[in-house]
Protein backbone atom coordinates (compact mmCIF):
# COMPACT_ATOMS: atom_id res chain seq x y z
CA UNK A 1 -89.65 60.34 73.61
CA UNK A 2 -89.46 57.48 70.87
CA UNK A 3 -86.24 56.45 69.30
CA UNK A 4 -85.50 56.00 65.54
CA UNK A 5 -83.23 53.18 64.23
CA UNK A 6 -81.80 53.42 61.46
CA UNK A 7 -82.87 50.82 58.88
CA UNK A 8 -80.43 49.70 56.24
CA UNK A 9 -82.22 49.36 53.09
CA UNK A 10 -83.00 46.03 51.28
CA UNK A 11 -80.62 45.29 48.59
CA UNK A 12 -81.40 43.90 45.44
CA UNK A 13 -79.08 40.60 44.71
CA UNK A 14 -76.78 40.99 41.90
CA UNK A 15 -76.66 37.59 39.33
CA UNK A 16 -73.33 36.56 38.25
CA UNK A 17 -72.87 37.01 34.61
CA UNK A 18 -72.21 34.44 31.96
CA UNK A 19 -70.80 34.60 28.61
CA UNK A 20 -73.25 34.09 26.74
CA UNK A 21 -75.22 37.17 27.41
CA UNK A 22 -76.04 40.05 25.40
CA UNK A 23 -76.62 42.53 28.37
CA UNK A 24 -76.50 42.41 32.56
CA UNK A 25 -77.80 45.13 34.89
CA UNK A 26 -75.77 47.29 36.33
CA UNK A 27 -74.50 45.87 40.03
CA UNK A 28 -74.36 49.09 41.53
CA UNK A 29 -76.49 50.19 44.39
CA UNK A 30 -77.28 54.46 45.09
CA UNK A 31 -76.36 56.26 48.42
CA UNK A 32 -79.78 55.12 49.30
CA UNK A 33 -79.81 51.30 48.53
CA UNK A 34 -81.55 51.80 45.28
CA UNK A 35 -80.56 49.44 42.20
CA UNK A 36 -78.90 51.40 39.01
CA UNK A 37 -81.36 50.32 36.39
CA UNK A 38 -79.25 50.35 33.79
CA UNK A 39 -77.89 48.02 31.01
CA UNK A 40 -74.39 46.96 30.75
CA UNK A 41 -73.01 45.76 27.50
CA UNK A 42 -69.37 44.16 26.37
CA UNK A 43 -66.86 47.02 25.88
CA UNK A 44 -64.47 46.10 23.11
CA UNK A 45 -65.10 43.01 23.16
CA UNK A 46 -64.83 41.84 26.14
CA UNK A 47 -66.25 38.31 26.42
CA UNK A 48 -67.98 39.56 30.42
CA UNK A 49 -67.98 42.86 30.44
CA UNK A 50 -67.17 44.92 34.11
CA UNK A 51 -70.57 45.00 35.63
CA UNK A 52 -70.79 48.91 36.14
CA UNK A 53 -72.50 51.13 33.82
CA UNK A 54 -70.58 54.48 32.78
CA UNK A 55 -71.53 56.22 35.11
CA UNK A 56 -70.80 53.97 37.83
CA UNK A 57 -67.42 53.05 36.42
CA UNK A 58 -66.59 56.72 36.77
CA UNK A 59 -68.10 57.18 40.66
CA UNK A 60 -68.23 53.76 41.78
CA UNK A 61 -70.80 51.66 43.57
CA UNK A 62 -72.55 53.99 46.24
CA UNK A 63 -73.46 51.66 48.55
CA UNK A 64 -70.06 52.25 49.43
CA UNK A 65 -67.46 55.14 50.28
CA UNK A 66 -63.78 55.96 51.00
CA UNK A 67 -63.23 57.04 54.37
CA UNK A 68 -59.86 58.74 55.69
CA UNK A 69 -57.64 55.88 57.71
CA UNK A 70 -55.39 57.40 59.90
CA UNK A 71 -52.02 54.93 59.58
CA UNK A 72 -53.24 53.77 55.95
CA UNK A 73 -54.27 56.34 54.35
CA UNK A 74 -57.73 55.58 52.62
CA UNK A 75 -59.93 52.79 53.31
CA UNK A 76 -63.45 51.07 51.34
CA UNK A 77 -66.11 50.55 53.49
CA UNK A 78 -69.99 50.14 53.38
CA UNK A 79 -72.66 53.22 53.80
CA UNK A 80 -74.90 50.80 55.20
CA UNK A 81 -74.87 46.72 55.89
CA UNK A 82 -74.74 44.48 53.19
CA UNK A 83 -76.12 41.19 52.68
CA UNK A 84 -73.99 38.24 52.54
CA UNK A 85 -72.49 37.73 49.40
CA UNK A 86 -72.93 41.56 48.03
CA UNK A 87 -70.79 41.77 45.09
CA UNK A 88 -68.59 44.28 43.66
CA UNK A 89 -65.84 44.34 41.13
CA UNK A 90 -62.64 45.37 41.17
CA UNK A 91 -61.17 46.94 38.14
CA UNK A 92 -58.03 48.91 37.55
CA UNK A 93 -54.07 48.29 37.97
CA UNK A 94 -53.09 46.06 40.26
CA UNK A 95 -49.35 45.12 41.00
CA UNK A 96 -48.02 41.69 42.72
CA UNK A 97 -47.07 41.04 46.41
CA UNK A 98 -43.33 40.84 46.39
CA UNK A 99 -43.22 39.22 49.52
CA UNK A 100 -45.80 36.85 48.06
CA UNK A 101 -44.85 33.40 46.22
CA UNK A 102 -47.71 32.13 44.81
CA UNK A 103 -50.31 33.74 42.62
CA UNK A 104 -51.69 36.99 44.87
CA UNK A 105 -55.62 37.93 44.59
CA UNK A 106 -55.75 39.84 47.66
CA UNK A 107 -56.19 43.38 47.63
CA UNK A 108 -54.15 44.26 50.51
CA UNK A 109 -53.35 47.81 52.16
CA UNK A 110 -49.36 47.66 53.12
CA UNK A 111 -47.90 50.42 55.56
CA UNK A 112 -45.72 52.52 53.25
CA UNK A 113 -42.21 52.11 52.76
CA UNK A 114 -42.52 48.69 53.97
């Protein structure tokens, strides 16, 4: 009897976008690990665009998924092993941590009603 091991796909590294670039390649990967080939250009005069094409802005990075967490509701997890320094972008509304007295850049999950 042979055992099969699940092999993580080889992920292409994402380079950091620069202001001088006219367009960049979308950072997202498919659920199978293939890098999106779409080019992203600045929207509405952004100096550096959010590094996702329109499709992945709506559906998210296929390398990640949300799962239900028994206490916090939803959690973001990787579909497969991701290499060190895998990059992803957060966009949307963000609230401040009311208990923080310094700038808060963490994305945290706080228990409801606490």
